[in-house]
N, C-alpha and C. Protein backbone atom coordinates (compact mmCIF):
# COMPACT_ATOMS: atom_id res chain seq x y z
N UNK A 1 36.32 99.18 31.56
CA UNK A 1 36.25 98.67 32.92
C UNK A 1 34.94 97.90 33.08
N UNK A 2 35.00 96.82 33.80
CA UNK A 2 33.83 95.95 33.99
C UNK A 2 33.09 96.35 35.26
N UNK A 3 31.78 96.44 35.17
CA UNK A 3 30.94 96.68 36.33
C UNK A 3 30.86 95.40 37.13
N UNK A 4 31.42 95.38 38.33
CA UNK A 4 31.47 94.15 39.14
C UNK A 4 30.09 93.68 39.59
N UNK A 5 29.10 94.55 39.49
CA UNK A 5 27.74 94.16 39.89
C UNK A 5 26.95 93.57 38.73
N UNK A 6 27.50 93.65 37.53
CA UNK A 6 26.81 93.14 36.35
C UNK A 6 27.83 92.47 35.43
N UNK A 7 28.27 91.27 35.81
CA UNK A 7 29.33 90.58 35.08
C UNK A 7 28.75 89.91 33.84
N UNK A 8 29.28 90.24 32.65
CA UNK A 8 28.79 89.59 31.44
C UNK A 8 29.21 88.12 31.43
N UNK A 9 28.45 87.31 30.71
CA UNK A 9 28.73 85.87 30.70
C UNK A 9 29.99 85.54 29.91
N UNK A 10 30.38 86.40 29.00
CA UNK A 10 31.58 86.13 28.21
C UNK A 10 32.55 87.29 28.36
N UNK A 11 33.75 86.98 28.83
CA UNK A 11 34.77 88.00 29.01
C UNK A 11 35.99 87.65 28.17
N UNK A 12 36.63 88.67 27.62
CA UNK A 12 37.90 88.42 26.95
C UNK A 12 38.95 88.12 28.02
N UNK A 13 40.09 87.66 27.61
CA UNK A 13 41.17 87.37 28.57
C UNK A 13 41.60 88.63 29.30
N UNK A 14 41.66 89.74 28.58
CA UNK A 14 42.05 91.00 29.21
C UNK A 14 41.00 91.45 30.20
N UNK A 15 39.73 91.37 29.82
CA UNK A 15 38.65 91.76 30.74
C UNK A 15 38.63 90.87 31.98
N UNK A 16 38.88 89.58 31.80
CA UNK A 16 38.91 88.66 32.94
C UNK A 16 40.08 89.01 33.86
N UNK A 17 41.25 89.29 33.29
CA UNK A 17 42.41 89.68 34.10
C UNK A 17 42.12 90.96 34.87
N UNK A 18 41.50 91.94 34.20
CA UNK A 18 41.14 93.18 34.87
C UNK A 18 40.15 92.93 36.01
N UNK A 19 39.15 92.12 35.74
CA UNK A 19 38.14 91.83 36.75
C UNK A 19 38.77 91.21 37.99
N UNK A 20 39.63 90.21 37.79
CA UNK A 20 40.27 89.53 38.91
C UNK A 20 41.24 90.45 39.63
N UNK A 21 42.12 91.10 38.88
CA UNK A 21 43.12 91.97 39.51
C UNK A 21 42.50 93.15 40.23
N UNK A 22 41.52 93.81 39.61
CA UNK A 22 40.92 94.96 40.26
C UNK A 22 40.06 94.53 41.46
N UNK A 23 39.47 93.35 41.41
CA UNK A 23 38.74 92.84 42.57
C UNK A 23 39.69 92.59 43.74
N UNK A 24 40.84 91.98 43.44
CA UNK A 24 41.85 91.74 44.47
C UNK A 24 42.39 93.07 44.99
N UNK A 25 42.61 94.00 44.10
CA UNK A 25 43.12 95.32 44.48
C UNK A 25 42.15 96.02 45.43
N UNK A 26 40.87 95.99 45.10
CA UNK A 26 39.87 96.63 45.97
C UNK A 26 39.87 96.00 47.36
N UNK A 27 40.02 94.67 47.44
CA UNK A 27 40.04 93.98 48.73
C UNK A 27 41.28 94.39 49.53
N UNK A 28 42.44 94.49 48.89
CA UNK A 28 43.65 94.91 49.58
C UNK A 28 43.53 96.36 50.05
N UNK A 29 42.97 97.24 49.21
CA UNK A 29 42.79 98.64 49.62
C UNK A 29 41.92 98.70 50.86
N UNK A 30 40.84 97.94 50.89
CA UNK A 30 39.97 97.91 52.08
C UNK A 30 40.73 97.41 53.31
N UNK A 31 41.52 96.34 53.13
CA UNK A 31 42.27 95.77 54.25
C UNK A 31 43.29 96.78 54.79
N UNK A 32 44.02 97.44 53.90
CA UNK A 32 45.02 98.41 54.35
C UNK A 32 44.36 99.62 54.97
N UNK A 33 43.23 100.06 54.42
CA UNK A 33 42.51 101.22 54.96
C UNK A 33 42.00 100.93 56.37
N UNK A 34 41.56 99.68 56.61
CA UNK A 34 40.97 99.33 57.90
C UNK A 34 41.97 98.78 58.91
N UNK A 35 43.24 98.73 58.55
CA UNK A 35 44.26 98.23 59.47
C UNK A 35 44.42 99.19 60.65
N UNK A 36 44.88 98.67 61.79
CA UNK A 36 45.11 99.56 62.94
C UNK A 36 46.10 100.66 62.57
N UNK A 37 45.90 101.87 63.09
CA UNK A 37 46.77 103.00 62.74
C UNK A 37 48.25 102.73 63.00
N UNK A 38 48.56 101.94 64.02
CA UNK A 38 49.97 101.68 64.35
C UNK A 38 50.69 100.86 63.26
N UNK A 39 49.92 100.26 62.35
CA UNK A 39 50.53 99.53 61.24
C UNK A 39 51.02 100.47 60.13
N UNK A 40 50.55 101.72 60.15
CA UNK A 40 50.98 102.75 59.17
C UNK A 40 50.78 102.30 57.73
N UNK A 41 49.70 101.60 57.44
CA UNK A 41 49.43 101.10 56.09
C UNK A 41 48.99 102.23 55.17
N UNK A 42 49.44 102.17 53.93
CA UNK A 42 48.99 103.14 52.93
C UNK A 42 48.64 102.41 51.65
N UNK A 43 47.68 102.97 50.95
CA UNK A 43 47.29 102.49 49.62
C UNK A 43 47.23 103.71 48.72
N UNK A 44 48.17 103.80 47.79
CA UNK A 44 48.27 104.97 46.92
C UNK A 44 47.92 104.57 45.49
N UNK A 45 46.93 105.23 44.90
CA UNK A 45 46.55 104.96 43.51
C UNK A 45 47.47 105.71 42.56
N UNK A 46 47.94 105.00 41.55
CA UNK A 46 48.75 105.57 40.48
C UNK A 46 48.13 105.07 39.19
N UNK A 47 47.32 105.93 38.55
CA UNK A 47 46.54 105.45 37.41
C UNK A 47 45.56 104.41 37.91
N UNK A 48 45.52 103.27 37.25
CA UNK A 48 44.62 102.20 37.71
C UNK A 48 45.33 101.24 38.66
N UNK A 49 46.62 101.45 38.88
CA UNK A 49 47.37 100.60 39.80
C UNK A 49 47.27 101.15 41.23
N UNK A 50 47.61 100.30 42.18
CA UNK A 50 47.62 100.70 43.59
C UNK A 50 48.95 100.26 44.19
N UNK A 51 49.62 101.20 44.88
CA UNK A 51 50.85 100.90 45.61
C UNK A 51 50.46 100.69 47.06
N UNK A 52 50.71 99.50 47.59
CA UNK A 52 50.39 99.16 48.97
C UNK A 52 51.67 99.11 49.79
N UNK A 53 51.66 99.78 50.94
CA UNK A 53 52.84 99.81 51.81
C UNK A 53 52.43 99.54 53.25
N UNK A 54 53.23 98.73 53.94
CA UNK A 54 53.06 98.47 55.36
C UNK A 54 54.45 98.58 56.01
N UNK A 55 54.94 99.81 56.19
CA UNK A 55 56.31 100.00 56.68
C UNK A 55 56.55 99.57 58.12
N UNK A 56 55.51 99.27 58.87
CA UNK A 56 55.69 98.87 60.26
C UNK A 56 56.25 97.46 60.39
N UNK A 57 56.17 96.67 59.33
CA UNK A 57 56.72 95.31 59.37
C UNK A 57 58.13 95.31 58.77
N UNK A 58 59.05 94.52 59.33
CA UNK A 58 60.43 94.54 58.85
C UNK A 58 60.67 93.68 57.60
N UNK A 59 59.61 93.35 56.88
CA UNK A 59 59.74 92.56 55.66
C UNK A 59 58.95 93.25 54.55
N UNK A 60 59.29 92.95 53.31
CA UNK A 60 58.64 93.63 52.19
C UNK A 60 57.45 92.86 51.61
N UNK A 61 57.10 91.75 52.21
CA UNK A 61 56.03 90.91 51.66
C UNK A 61 54.72 91.68 51.47
N UNK A 62 54.42 92.62 52.35
CA UNK A 62 53.14 93.33 52.27
C UNK A 62 53.23 94.63 51.48
N UNK A 63 54.39 94.89 50.89
CA UNK A 63 54.56 96.06 50.02
C UNK A 63 54.47 95.56 48.58
N UNK A 64 53.51 96.05 47.85
CA UNK A 64 53.32 95.55 46.48
C UNK A 64 52.59 96.56 45.62
N UNK A 65 52.67 96.34 44.32
CA UNK A 65 51.93 97.15 43.36
C UNK A 65 50.97 96.19 42.65
N UNK A 66 49.69 96.53 42.67
CA UNK A 66 48.67 95.70 42.02
C UNK A 66 48.05 96.45 40.86
N UNK A 67 47.76 95.74 39.79
CA UNK A 67 47.06 96.32 38.64
C UNK A 67 47.93 97.10 37.68
N UNK A 68 49.24 97.04 37.85
CA UNK A 68 50.15 97.80 36.99
C UNK A 68 50.10 97.28 35.56
N UNK A 69 49.81 98.17 34.62
CA UNK A 69 49.80 97.82 33.21
C UNK A 69 48.50 97.22 32.69
N UNK A 70 47.47 97.14 33.52
CA UNK A 70 46.22 96.55 33.05
C UNK A 70 45.36 97.52 32.25
N UNK A 71 45.31 98.78 32.65
CA UNK A 71 44.49 99.77 31.92
C UNK A 71 45.33 100.71 31.08
N UNK A 72 46.56 100.92 31.47
CA UNK A 72 47.44 101.80 30.72
C UNK A 72 48.81 101.12 30.65
N UNK A 73 49.58 101.51 29.66
CA UNK A 73 50.91 100.92 29.48
C UNK A 73 51.79 101.22 30.69
N UNK A 74 52.56 100.24 31.10
CA UNK A 74 53.49 100.40 32.22
C UNK A 74 54.83 100.88 31.67
N UNK A 75 54.90 102.15 31.34
CA UNK A 75 56.12 102.75 30.80
C UNK A 75 57.15 102.92 31.92
N UNK A 76 58.42 103.11 31.58
CA UNK A 76 59.43 103.33 32.63
C UNK A 76 59.08 104.51 33.55
N UNK A 77 58.57 105.61 33.00
CA UNK A 77 58.20 106.76 33.83
C UNK A 77 57.04 106.40 34.77
N UNK A 78 56.07 105.68 34.25
CA UNK A 78 54.93 105.26 35.06
C UNK A 78 55.40 104.32 36.17
N UNK A 79 56.29 103.39 35.84
CA UNK A 79 56.82 102.46 36.83
C UNK A 79 57.56 103.20 37.94
N UNK A 80 58.34 104.22 37.57
CA UNK A 80 59.09 104.97 38.57
C UNK A 80 58.16 105.65 39.56
N UNK A 81 57.03 106.17 39.08
CA UNK A 81 56.05 106.80 39.97
C UNK A 81 55.40 105.73 40.85
N UNK A 82 55.01 104.63 40.26
CA UNK A 82 54.29 103.59 40.99
C UNK A 82 55.12 102.95 42.08
N UNK A 83 56.40 102.73 41.84
CA UNK A 83 57.20 102.01 42.83
C UNK A 83 57.97 102.93 43.76
N UNK A 84 57.89 104.24 43.58
CA UNK A 84 58.56 105.13 44.51
C UNK A 84 57.77 105.17 45.81
N UNK A 85 58.47 105.06 46.91
CA UNK A 85 57.79 105.05 48.22
C UNK A 85 58.63 105.84 49.21
N UNK A 86 57.99 106.20 50.32
CA UNK A 86 58.71 106.88 51.39
C UNK A 86 59.29 105.86 52.36
N UNK A 87 58.73 104.66 52.41
CA UNK A 87 59.18 103.65 53.36
C UNK A 87 60.37 102.87 52.86
N UNK A 88 61.23 102.50 53.76
CA UNK A 88 62.38 101.65 53.44
C UNK A 88 62.30 100.42 54.32
N UNK A 89 62.66 99.29 53.75
CA UNK A 89 62.61 98.03 54.50
C UNK A 89 63.93 97.31 54.37
N UNK A 90 64.26 96.60 55.40
CA UNK A 90 65.42 95.69 55.34
C UNK A 90 64.89 94.28 55.51
N UNK A 91 65.22 93.41 54.60
CA UNK A 91 64.76 92.04 54.74
C UNK A 91 65.70 91.30 55.68
N UNK A 92 65.14 90.52 56.60
CA UNK A 92 65.98 89.81 57.57
C UNK A 92 66.81 88.72 56.90
């Protein structure tokens, strides 16, 4: 894992992908954590991935999994845990 406060000048492709994805993931976790309570936002960590849910909206655009497969293999069992949610959405 890369220390975001001390970025080396040369990164491998995998390290760069991790840096970008985990930076984006941290920003989304902050946004969902700070959302108004009536939005019912959740951010659930599964390994190094994060499952983001916003069931108060009638669309699935804000429901996503970030960082899946970057630090550990995304096996079928791991995927089942990561994408299982309590919220259900109907797309208009």
